[in-house]
Protein backbone atom coordinates (compact mmCIF):
# COMPACT_ATOMS: atom_id res chain seq x y z
CA MET A 1 106.94 93.25 119.81
CA PHE A 2 109.28 93.82 116.65
CA HIS A 3 109.09 96.96 114.98
CA GLN A 4 109.80 96.88 111.26
CA ILE A 5 112.61 98.63 109.86
CA LEU A 6 111.70 100.47 106.60
CA THR A 7 115.11 102.09 105.75
CA PRO A 8 117.87 99.43 107.30
CA VAL A 9 120.61 99.54 104.99
CA ALA A 10 122.95 102.89 106.10
CA GLY A 11 119.05 104.95 106.49
CA SER A 12 118.91 104.65 103.03
CA THR A 13 115.81 104.04 100.94
CA PHE A 14 117.52 103.77 97.44
CA LEU A 15 120.34 101.42 98.91
CA SER A 16 117.75 99.51 101.20
CA PHE A 17 115.44 98.94 98.19
CA LEU A 18 118.30 97.76 96.04
CA VAL A 19 118.94 95.11 98.82
CA GLY A 20 115.51 94.21 99.16
CA MET A 21 115.25 93.43 95.57
CA ILE A 22 118.06 91.08 95.91
CA PRO A 23 116.19 87.59 96.36
CA ILE A 24 113.51 88.58 93.34
CA ALA A 25 116.13 88.92 91.24
CA VAL A 26 117.82 85.31 92.49
CA VAL A 27 114.74 84.15 91.59
CA LEU A 28 114.44 85.36 87.85
CA VAL A 29 118.03 84.83 87.38
CA LEU A 30 117.93 81.66 88.26
CA LEU A 31 114.45 81.01 86.33
CA GLY A 32 115.45 83.31 82.94
CA ILE A 33 119.29 82.39 82.82
CA VAL A 34 120.72 79.82 84.56
CA ARG A 35 117.08 77.75 83.64
CA ALA A 36 117.15 75.78 87.19
CA PRO A 37 113.60 74.37 87.70
CA ALA A 38 111.48 76.91 89.53
CA TRP A 39 110.76 75.08 92.83
CA ILE A 40 114.67 75.24 93.12
CA SER A 41 114.97 78.85 92.20
CA ALA A 42 111.85 79.68 94.12
CA LEU A 43 113.81 77.68 97.74
CA SER A 44 116.86 79.36 96.49
CA GLY A 45 114.83 82.74 96.72
CA LEU A 46 113.55 81.87 99.60
CA VAL A 47 116.46 81.00 101.67
CA ILE A 48 118.34 84.37 100.30
CA GLY A 49 115.40 86.33 101.79
CA PHE A 50 115.48 84.66 105.03
CA ILE A 51 119.33 85.41 105.45
CA ILE A 52 118.64 89.07 103.66
CA ALA A 53 115.40 89.68 106.40
CA LEU A 54 117.42 88.61 109.52
CA ALA A 55 120.76 90.05 108.89
CA PHE A 56 119.09 93.53 107.58
CA TRP A 57 115.78 93.85 108.83
CA LYS A 58 116.64 92.27 111.98
CA ILE A 59 113.17 89.95 112.08
CA PRO A 60 113.46 87.42 115.04
CA GLY A 61 113.72 84.21 113.71
CA GLY A 62 111.07 82.84 114.99
CA LEU A 63 108.74 85.18 113.49
CA ALA A 64 110.56 85.06 110.06
CA ILE A 65 109.76 81.44 110.77
CA SER A 66 106.65 81.61 111.40
CA SER A 67 105.77 84.07 108.37
CA VAL A 68 107.30 81.32 106.29
CA VAL A 69 105.36 78.79 107.11
CA ASN A 70 102.28 80.65 107.26
CA GLY A 71 102.54 81.62 103.77
CA MET A 72 103.08 78.27 102.98
CA VAL A 73 100.00 77.32 104.89
CA PHE A 74 97.94 79.79 102.45
CA ALA A 75 99.46 78.49 99.80
CA LEU A 76 98.42 74.47 99.94
CA TRP A 77 94.80 76.05 101.30
CA PRO A 78 93.11 77.65 99.47
CA VAL A 79 95.71 78.29 96.36
CA MET A 80 96.57 74.82 95.63
CA TRP A 81 93.47 73.21 96.51
CA ILE A 82 91.60 75.25 93.76
CA VAL A 83 94.28 74.95 91.67
CA PHE A 84 94.00 70.93 92.17
CA ALA A 85 90.85 70.80 91.76
CA ALA A 86 90.97 72.26 88.37
CA MET A 87 93.45 69.86 87.47
CA TRP A 88 91.50 66.93 88.63
CA LEU A 89 88.25 68.60 86.28
CA TYR A 90 90.78 68.64 83.47
CA ASN A 91 92.05 65.64 83.82
CA LEU A 92 88.77 63.90 84.28
CA SER A 93 87.91 65.25 80.62
CA GLN A 94 91.48 64.11 79.57
CA ARG A 95 90.39 60.12 80.88
CA THR A 96 86.85 60.43 79.63
CA GLY A 97 87.45 61.41 76.09
CA ALA A 98 85.56 64.99 76.71
CA PHE A 99 89.10 66.61 75.92
CA ASP A 100 89.12 65.15 72.51
CA GLN A 101 85.48 65.84 71.71
CA PHE A 102 86.95 69.66 72.53
CA ARG A 103 89.55 69.61 70.22
CA LYS A 104 87.01 68.01 67.39
CA TRP A 105 84.07 70.46 68.24
CA MET A 106 86.49 73.26 67.65
CA TYR A 107 87.30 71.30 64.06
CA HIS A 108 83.71 71.14 63.39
CA TYR A 109 81.96 74.32 64.70
CA ALA A 110 84.61 77.20 64.70
CA THR A 111 87.83 77.18 62.32
CA THR A 112 91.25 75.06 61.35
CA ASP A 113 92.70 78.37 61.41
CA ARG A 114 95.77 78.17 64.50
CA ARG A 115 95.25 82.06 64.73
CA ILE A 116 91.45 81.75 65.39
CA GLN A 117 91.54 79.03 67.80
CA VAL A 118 94.81 80.92 69.75
CA LEU A 119 91.74 84.04 70.20
CA ILE A 120 88.45 81.10 71.31
CA ILE A 121 90.78 79.04 73.93
CA ALA A 122 93.41 81.28 75.08
CA PHE A 123 91.93 84.73 74.88
CA SER A 124 87.85 83.91 75.80
CA PHE A 125 88.01 80.20 77.28
CA GLY A 126 91.01 81.42 79.41
CA ALA A 127 89.66 84.45 80.67
CA LEU A 128 86.84 82.16 81.70
CA MET A 129 88.91 79.89 83.37
CA GLU A 130 90.63 82.98 84.86
CA GLY A 131 86.71 84.41 86.40
CA ILE A 132 86.02 81.45 87.84
CA ALA A 133 89.21 79.67 89.40
CA GLY A 134 92.74 81.60 88.68
CA PHE A 135 96.30 81.19 89.78
CA GLY A 136 97.68 79.45 87.08
CA THR A 137 94.76 76.87 86.29
CA PRO A 138 93.77 79.08 82.53
CA VAL A 139 96.73 78.36 81.54
CA ALA A 140 97.54 74.68 82.24
CA ILE A 141 94.06 74.04 80.52
CA ALA A 142 93.86 76.68 77.92
CA SER A 143 97.61 75.42 77.08
CA ALA A 144 96.66 71.74 77.19
CA LEU A 145 94.29 72.63 74.84
CA LEU A 146 95.90 74.58 72.51
CA VAL A 147 98.71 71.90 72.36
CA GLY A 148 95.92 69.14 71.98
CA LEU A 149 95.13 70.99 68.72
CA GLY A 150 98.95 70.56 67.81
CA PHE A 151 100.53 73.87 69.07
CA PRO A 152 104.12 73.85 70.22
CA VAL A 153 103.91 73.59 74.07
CA LEU A 154 106.23 76.37 74.53
CA ASP A 155 104.15 78.18 71.99
CA ALA A 156 100.93 77.43 73.39
CA VAL A 157 101.65 78.43 77.11
CA VAL A 158 103.40 81.85 75.99
CA TYR A 159 100.22 83.24 74.26
CA CYS A 160 98.14 81.75 77.17
CA LEU A 161 100.44 83.33 79.61
CA ILE A 162 100.24 86.38 77.50
CA PHE A 163 96.13 86.71 77.30
CA ASP A 164 96.43 85.73 81.15
CA THR A 165 96.15 89.66 82.14
CA ALA A 166 93.09 91.34 81.15
CA PRO A 167 90.64 89.55 83.22
CA VAL A 168 93.07 88.89 86.59
CA ALA A 169 92.03 92.02 88.20
CA PHE A 170 88.33 90.71 88.06
CA GLY A 171 89.78 86.92 88.48
CA ALA A 172 87.58 84.41 91.01
CA LEU A 173 84.73 86.68 90.48
CA GLY A 174 85.94 89.68 91.46
CA VAL A 175 87.49 88.94 94.78
CA PRO A 176 91.03 90.97 93.96
CA ILE A 177 88.64 94.29 93.68
CA VAL A 178 86.89 93.41 97.09
CA THR A 179 90.22 93.15 98.41
CA LEU A 180 91.17 96.33 97.55
CA GLY A 181 88.39 97.99 98.76
CA SER A 182 88.44 96.68 102.12
CA VAL A 183 92.65 97.30 102.48
CA THR A 184 92.22 100.77 101.30
CA GLY A 185 88.39 101.85 102.77
CA LEU A 186 87.57 102.96 99.04
CA HIS A 187 83.90 102.26 97.34
CA ALA A 188 84.47 98.65 95.58
CA ASN A 189 81.89 99.51 92.73
CA ALA A 190 84.44 102.93 92.06
CA LEU A 191 87.71 100.66 92.43
CA SER A 192 85.71 97.87 89.93
CA ALA A 193 84.64 100.97 87.66
CA MET A 194 88.30 102.41 87.55
CA VAL A 195 90.07 99.10 86.82
CA GLY A 196 87.27 98.86 83.74
CA ARG A 197 88.56 102.11 82.61
CA GLN A 198 92.29 100.53 81.98
CA LEU A 199 91.85 96.78 81.47
CA PRO A 200 89.58 96.65 78.37
CA ILE A 201 91.96 99.26 76.54
CA PHE A 202 94.62 96.04 77.04
CA ALA A 203 91.98 93.64 76.38
CA PHE A 204 91.32 95.50 73.06
CA ILE A 205 94.90 95.44 72.17
CA LEU A 206 95.92 92.03 73.23
CA PRO A 207 94.40 89.87 70.06
CA PHE A 208 96.26 92.48 67.80
CA TYR A 209 99.29 92.10 70.14
CA VAL A 210 99.74 88.37 70.36
CA LEU A 211 98.71 87.50 66.26
CA LEU A 212 101.72 90.09 66.02
CA VAL A 213 103.62 87.89 68.54
CA MET A 214 102.72 84.43 66.53
CA GLY A 215 103.46 85.58 63.19
CA GLY A 216 104.34 89.25 62.68
CA TRP A 217 102.52 91.74 60.44
CA ARG A 218 101.29 88.64 57.99
CA ALA A 219 99.55 87.09 60.72
CA LEU A 220 98.07 89.80 62.06
CA ARG A 221 96.77 91.33 58.40
CA GLY A 222 95.13 87.97 57.73
CA ALA A 223 93.23 87.49 60.71
CA TRP A 224 92.64 91.36 61.73
CA PRO A 225 89.03 91.41 61.70
CA ALA A 226 88.73 88.11 64.11
CA ALA A 227 90.77 90.10 66.31
CA LEU A 228 88.63 93.30 66.14
CA VAL A 229 85.71 90.95 67.01
CA GLY A 230 87.03 89.13 69.55
CA GLY A 231 88.83 92.23 71.63
CA LEU A 232 86.02 94.67 71.12
CA SER A 233 83.30 92.27 72.22
CA TYR A 234 85.40 91.80 75.30
CA SER A 235 86.50 95.09 76.47
CA VAL A 236 83.29 96.20 75.85
CA THR A 237 81.31 93.91 78.20
CA GLN A 238 84.14 94.14 80.55
CA PHE A 239 83.83 98.23 80.60
CA LEU A 240 79.85 97.70 80.95
CA VAL A 241 80.11 95.01 83.95
CA SER A 242 82.70 96.75 85.38
CA ASN A 243 81.47 99.81 85.37
CA TYR A 244 77.59 99.26 85.76
CA LEU A 245 77.01 96.09 87.94
CA GLY A 246 80.35 95.55 90.13
CA PRO A 247 83.28 93.27 90.16
CA ALA A 248 81.98 89.87 90.17
CA LEU A 249 80.95 88.88 86.50
CA PRO A 250 82.98 91.07 84.04
CA ASP A 251 85.61 88.25 83.32
CA VAL A 252 82.64 85.76 83.15
CA LEU A 253 80.04 87.84 80.98
CA ALA A 254 82.66 89.36 78.62
CA ALA A 255 84.89 85.81 77.92
CA LEU A 256 81.22 84.30 77.48
CA VAL A 257 79.91 87.56 74.78
CA SER A 258 83.77 87.31 72.79
CA LEU A 259 83.75 83.52 73.08
CA ILE A 260 80.33 83.22 71.55
CA CYS A 261 81.41 86.38 68.90
CA ILE A 262 84.54 84.97 67.50
CA VAL A 263 82.80 81.79 66.93
CA LEU A 264 79.64 82.76 65.17
CA PHE A 265 81.76 85.25 63.32
CA THR A 266 84.02 82.49 62.14
CA ARG A 267 81.24 81.01 60.63
CA VAL A 268 80.54 83.60 58.33
CA TRP A 269 83.69 84.28 57.75
CA GLN A 270 86.89 83.10 57.23
CA PRO A 271 90.58 84.36 56.70
CA LYS A 272 91.82 84.59 52.57
CA ASP A 273 94.92 83.03 53.96
CA THR A 274 93.81 80.28 56.09
CA ALA A 275 95.76 77.59 54.13
CA ASN A 276 98.67 78.87 55.49
CA TYR A 277 97.76 78.81 59.23
CA GLN A 278 96.25 75.37 59.83
CA SER A 279 95.88 74.17 62.97
CA PHE A 280 99.46 71.67 63.42
CA ALA A 281 97.15 68.75 64.09
CA HIS A 282 95.33 69.24 61.00
CA ALA A 283 95.63 66.31 58.83
CA GLU A 284 91.56 65.63 58.64
CA THR A 285 89.44 65.22 55.75
CA ALA A 286 86.60 67.65 56.14
CA ALA A 287 84.59 64.33 55.68
CA ALA A 288 86.21 62.65 58.31
CA ARG A 289 85.91 65.98 60.75
CA GLU A 290 82.14 65.69 60.34
CA SER A 291 82.01 61.99 61.03
CA ASP A 292 84.06 63.02 64.20
CA VAL A 293 81.62 64.88 65.47
CA GLU A 294 78.53 62.79 64.93
CA ALA A 295 77.67 64.54 61.97
CA GLY A 296 76.81 67.86 63.77
CA GLY A 297 75.12 65.38 66.73
CA THR A 298 75.45 65.94 70.10
CA GLY A 299 79.30 64.21 70.46
CA GLY A 300 81.46 67.54 69.79
CA TRP A 301 79.59 69.21 72.56
CA ARG A 302 80.23 66.97 75.28
CA GLY A 303 83.44 68.05 75.35
CA TRP A 304 82.16 71.51 76.69
CA VAL A 305 80.22 69.70 79.91
CA PRO A 306 83.02 70.10 82.44
CA TRP A 307 84.02 73.59 81.54
CA LEU A 308 80.06 74.59 81.51
CA THR A 309 79.42 72.75 84.29
CA VAL A 310 81.87 74.55 86.64
CA THR A 311 81.10 77.42 85.22
CA ILE A 312 77.95 77.31 86.57
CA VAL A 313 78.70 75.55 90.04
CA VAL A 314 81.05 78.14 90.73
CA ILE A 315 78.90 80.99 89.76
CA ILE A 316 75.75 79.90 91.80
CA TRP A 317 78.53 78.92 95.00
CA THR A 318 79.62 82.75 94.92
CA PHE A 319 76.28 84.04 94.90
CA LEU A 320 74.88 81.92 97.54
CA LYS A 321 78.02 82.84 99.50
CA LEU A 322 78.47 78.86 100.58
CA ALA A 323 82.00 79.46 101.34
CA GLY A 324 81.83 81.18 104.34
CA ILE A 325 79.87 78.37 106.21
CA GLY A 326 82.10 76.37 108.68
CA GLN A 327 84.66 78.98 108.29
CA LYS A 328 87.32 78.88 110.84
CA ASP A 329 89.43 82.14 111.29
CA VAL A 330 92.96 80.76 112.92
CA HIS A 331 95.35 83.67 114.67
CA TRP A 332 98.54 82.55 113.38
CA PRO A 333 100.97 81.64 117.05
CA GLY A 334 104.02 83.55 117.24
CA LEU A 335 103.20 85.77 114.53
CA ASP A 336 99.74 87.34 115.12
CA LYS A 337 99.84 91.24 116.14
CA LEU A 338 103.46 90.19 116.96
CA VAL A 339 104.87 92.30 114.44
CA TYR A 340 104.23 96.14 114.55
CA LEU A 341 103.67 98.04 110.67
CA THR A 342 105.87 101.43 111.23
CA LEU A 343 104.23 102.39 107.72
CA TYR A 344 100.99 102.18 109.16
CA HIS A 345 101.12 102.75 112.52
CA LYS A 346 99.49 99.49 113.86
CA ALA A 347 99.95 95.93 114.65
CA TYR A 348 99.92 93.63 111.81
CA ALA A 349 97.68 90.93 111.86
CA ALA A 350 98.71 87.01 111.06
CA VAL A 351 95.01 85.54 110.27
CA TRP A 352 94.31 82.62 108.15
CA SER A 353 91.18 81.59 107.29
CA PHE A 354 90.12 77.84 106.33
CA GLN A 355 86.93 77.49 104.46
CA PRO A 356 86.40 73.88 103.99
CA LEU A 357 83.57 75.15 101.61
CA GLY A 358 85.73 77.61 99.38
CA THR A 359 86.26 77.75 95.55
CA GLY A 360 87.95 74.60 95.27
CA THR A 361 85.48 72.68 97.07
CA ALA A 362 82.85 73.91 94.86
CA ILE A 363 85.29 73.18 91.78
CA LEU A 364 85.69 69.43 93.44
CA VAL A 365 81.78 69.46 93.39
CA ALA A 366 81.56 70.45 89.40
CA VAL A 367 84.23 67.37 89.04
CA ILE A 368 81.42 65.03 90.61
CA LEU A 369 79.15 66.18 88.85
CA SER A 370 81.05 65.99 85.46
CA ALA A 371 81.83 62.79 86.15
CA PHE A 372 78.06 61.53 86.61
CA MET A 373 77.15 63.14 83.20
CA LEU A 374 80.03 61.97 81.27
CA ARG A 375 79.43 58.36 82.82
CA ALA A 376 82.79 58.25 83.90
CA SER A 377 83.97 54.81 85.84
CA TRP A 378 85.11 55.31 89.37
CA THR A 379 88.47 54.29 87.88
CA ASP A 380 89.20 56.54 85.55
CA PHE A 381 87.73 59.01 88.31
CA TRP A 382 90.42 58.45 91.21
CA LEU A 383 93.27 58.11 88.53
CA ALA A 384 92.67 61.74 87.50
CA ALA A 385 92.92 62.58 90.87
CA ALA A 386 96.57 60.80 90.58
CA ASP A 387 97.11 62.45 87.15
CA SER A 388 96.90 65.90 89.39
CA TRP A 389 98.72 65.01 91.94
CA LYS A 390 101.81 64.06 89.79
CA GLN A 391 101.24 67.11 87.90
CA LEU A 392 101.28 69.78 90.53
CA PHE A 393 103.91 67.69 93.20
CA LEU A 394 106.72 70.27 91.99
CA PRO A 395 104.65 72.86 91.52
CA ILE A 396 102.62 73.04 94.89
CA ILE A 397 106.43 73.03 96.31
CA THR A 398 107.31 75.68 94.28
CA VAL A 399 103.74 77.89 95.13
CA MET A 400 104.81 76.91 98.75
CA CYS A 401 107.91 78.55 98.37
CA ILE A 402 107.59 81.51 96.81
CA VAL A 403 104.41 82.17 98.95
CA GLY A 404 106.43 82.24 101.79
CA LEU A 405 108.70 84.39 100.66
CA ALA A 406 105.86 86.80 100.10
CA TYR A 407 104.80 86.86 103.74
CA LEU A 408 108.43 87.04 104.72
CA TYR A 409 108.59 90.02 102.65
CA ASN A 410 105.31 91.08 104.29
CA TYR A 411 106.07 91.08 107.89
CA SER A 412 109.95 91.56 108.09
CA GLY A 413 109.37 94.98 106.47
CA MET A 414 111.17 94.20 103.09
CA ALA A 415 107.93 94.91 101.10
CA TYR A 416 107.09 98.19 102.73
CA THR A 417 110.81 99.38 102.04
CA LEU A 418 110.21 98.66 98.23
CA GLY A 419 107.11 100.26 98.99
CA ILE A 420 107.64 103.59 100.26
CA ALA A 421 111.00 103.93 97.74
CA VAL A 422 108.63 103.77 94.80
CA ALA A 423 106.54 105.94 96.23
CA ALA A 424 109.30 108.70 96.94
CA LEU A 425 109.44 109.23 93.10
CA GLY A 426 107.36 112.11 93.61
CA ALA A 427 105.65 112.86 89.98
CA ALA A 428 107.07 110.18 88.10
CA PHE A 429 104.98 108.22 90.48
CA PRO A 430 101.73 107.68 88.68
CA PHE A 431 103.63 105.94 85.79
CA PHE A 432 106.21 103.89 88.12
CA SER A 433 102.99 102.87 90.59
CA GLY A 434 101.92 99.98 88.40
CA PHE A 435 105.38 98.42 88.74
CA LEU A 436 104.44 97.87 92.60
CA GLY A 437 101.53 95.85 91.78
CA TRP A 438 104.05 94.20 89.66
CA ILE A 439 106.73 93.64 92.05
CA ALA A 440 103.85 92.24 94.53
CA CYS A 441 102.22 89.87 91.88
CA PHE A 442 105.51 88.17 90.93
CA LEU A 443 106.02 87.30 94.75
CA SER A 444 102.70 86.12 95.11
CA GLY A 445 101.31 85.15 91.86
CA SER A 446 98.12 87.03 93.05
CA ASP A 447 96.37 90.15 92.33
CA THR A 448 94.46 89.66 95.44
CA SER A 449 97.64 89.40 97.43
CA SER A 450 99.07 92.28 95.35
CA ASN A 451 96.26 94.36 96.62
CA ALA A 452 96.37 93.72 100.24
CA LEU A 453 100.16 93.94 100.11
CA PHE A 454 100.44 97.58 98.28
CA GLY A 455 96.69 98.73 97.90
CA ASN A 456 96.79 101.12 100.91
CA LEU A 457 100.51 102.37 100.16
CA GLN A 458 99.27 103.74 96.91
CA VAL A 459 95.99 105.50 98.63
CA VAL A 460 98.59 106.88 101.39
CA ALA A 461 100.87 108.41 98.40
CA ALA A 462 98.11 109.62 96.02
CA ASN A 463 96.94 111.65 98.81
CA LYS A 464 100.53 113.21 99.45
CA LEU A 465 100.80 113.75 96.10
CA ASN A 466 97.68 114.97 95.61
CA LEU A 467 96.08 112.14 92.94
CA ASN A 468 93.12 110.84 92.80
CA PRO A 469 93.37 107.63 95.52
CA TYR A 470 91.17 105.49 93.27
CA LEU A 471 93.26 105.71 90.25
CA MET A 472 96.38 104.69 91.86
CA ALA A 473 94.84 101.80 94.03
CA ALA A 474 93.17 100.61 91.23
CA THR A 475 97.13 100.92 89.01
CA ASN A 476 97.96 98.72 91.50
CA SER A 477 95.62 96.07 90.84
CA SER A 478 96.07 96.52 87.18
CA GLY A 479 99.91 96.56 86.88
CA ALA A 480 99.93 93.06 89.27
CA VAL A 481 97.93 91.33 86.58
CA MET A 482 101.03 92.34 84.02
CA SER A 483 103.43 90.14 86.36
CA LYS A 484 101.19 87.04 86.06
CA MET A 485 102.88 86.14 82.88
CA ILE A 486 106.71 85.46 84.84
CA SER A 487 105.20 84.53 88.17
CA PRO A 488 106.38 81.70 89.36
CA GLN A 489 103.58 80.48 91.09
CA ASN A 490 101.35 80.84 87.80
CA VAL A 491 104.52 79.77 85.27
CA THR A 492 104.83 76.81 86.87
CA THR A 493 101.47 75.75 87.09
CA GLY A 494 100.75 76.79 84.08
CA VAL A 495 103.29 74.26 82.38
CA SER A 496 101.91 71.54 84.94
CA THR A 497 100.47 69.87 81.79
CA GLY A 498 102.95 69.71 79.42
CA GLU A 499 106.47 68.60 78.89
CA LEU A 500 107.42 71.88 80.25
CA ARG A 501 107.39 70.90 83.55
CA GLY A 502 110.88 72.05 85.14
CA LYS A 503 111.73 74.37 82.33
CA GLU A 504 109.68 77.19 83.52
CA GLY A 505 112.98 79.29 83.10
CA LEU A 506 112.43 78.81 78.91
CA VAL A 507 108.63 80.09 79.63
CA ILE A 508 109.98 83.39 81.37
CA ARG A 509 112.44 84.20 78.84
CA ARG A 510 109.91 84.40 76.34
CA THR A 511 107.06 86.24 78.16
CA PHE A 512 109.30 88.95 80.89
CA VAL A 513 109.66 91.35 77.81
CA HIS A 514 106.26 91.64 77.13
CA SER A 515 105.19 91.90 80.97
CA ILE A 516 107.57 95.05 81.04
CA VAL A 517 106.37 96.60 77.43
CA LEU A 518 102.51 95.92 78.81
CA THR A 519 103.60 97.45 82.25
CA VAL A 520 105.54 100.08 80.62
CA LEU A 521 102.24 100.53 78.15
CA LEU A 522 100.45 100.78 81.59
CA GLY A 523 102.03 103.67 82.81
CA ILE A 524 101.95 105.83 80.27
CA LEU A 525 97.88 105.18 80.37
CA VAL A 526 98.18 106.44 83.87
CA VAL A 527 100.37 109.29 83.44
CA LEU A 528 97.51 110.43 81.04
CA GLN A 529 94.71 109.69 83.52
CA ALA A 530 96.23 111.12 86.42
CA HIS A 531 96.34 114.61 84.16
CA GLY A 532 95.05 115.08 80.86
CA LEU A 533 92.33 112.27 80.60
CA SER A 534 91.36 113.06 84.16
CA GLY A 535 87.62 112.58 83.23
CA MET A 536 88.54 108.98 82.99
CA VAL A 537 88.96 108.45 86.55
CA PRO A 538 85.19 107.68 88.87
CA LYS A 539 84.20 110.39 91.40
CA GLY A 540 83.93 107.22 94.13
């Protein structure tokens, strides 16, 4: 059995931390500075990480290879199966004309002001997609909708990535919080409540923040009432649902409430300076827009069919617990319980759960139902699948490499070296604890994986430092969401529908600063909750 070494570089936690960060730095530099394609950056990080894991952490070659393959298989199923099914739905809407009808619905029933369109699509609709699917699909679909309205591709992706923070911890109907509860032994509902006392604050701020990013104070000054309605309706709903109903529905209900509130609000109010912010694609007369949606008939609403269908199907699927039917747990050969977790004093299990009826299959059912309701031909149905494969071929390679690297970090012990280095900061730990989740989510692209990796470490550190374990465990999840906007897995999937495929570095150059700023703000909030605002922390 291989025993993980936590301080392999001269017995120093700090030096080991620096060496352990090298593969992450390689990926970031290649993406953000060299502007290499994401798949090359991820593959390079994996190769460097493999060499470092063997040379410094002394993991046997066979275990290293097995851990990487385990991660790659997990990346294929369930992660990219979910993404593929969601993209199939998107491409079906394109080929059947439903996507274009959604755009026309936006013009007729909502607004032609691109600031409000960002709030409706990137914020509310994106959060709905995150609550259902996650794994980059909200960014891919929402940014494609914005591009369909005439937004520049880079701007559309950046806005969607920044907004794809507040909903992430409750994504996929609360799986990240449930996972956090299972690895820490803490009550999932109390963890949900704690996260629900952090992220709603950011959900309230984000509409204002993104409008500032769009056009500075001038853009915000004209549209702040809409930002207030969207942010307040989302954050209040997310807080109430997460604190009183649990982790399953905060995203879905908050997204629907905010979407409805913004749309209804824009029916009675429009910014005075809306003429200066007309949608880039808006060149139609009012009469033409009326005819485009069949003079207020049902044509425009047809564009909502795929998205309402997938929402209903996934919610029913989850509450009926269909995903567990036929599940096979595979104890990974050459890896399962062959690694000793030095930090936790136990063998490290390696189990891949194959769920043939998982979330990706639920989305496939929504694709089939949508095809019938949209009266799609068999040709369009299968061409939509072919379109998805073309869009996702390189993202699949990228995600396989980055998740393989994440598993290598886990089983070699590199991840735990990074963790104990941050946990060793003592009194400064509450401020930096969010960066643990940030690092893990950057690697895995998943809040769930971040919680599985560092959730218990946060609790161990909290108990040693006499901090509330619910606060620190929840902070891991909240911190993870802040790096979704720079995670190669998320970004490469997010750009898969547009002309930025292979240019992920351009996106990360734009989002990196926002990721750091939001994580720092989270750190300040956690320090306040740990000391001055302890009343915000549930008792568990």
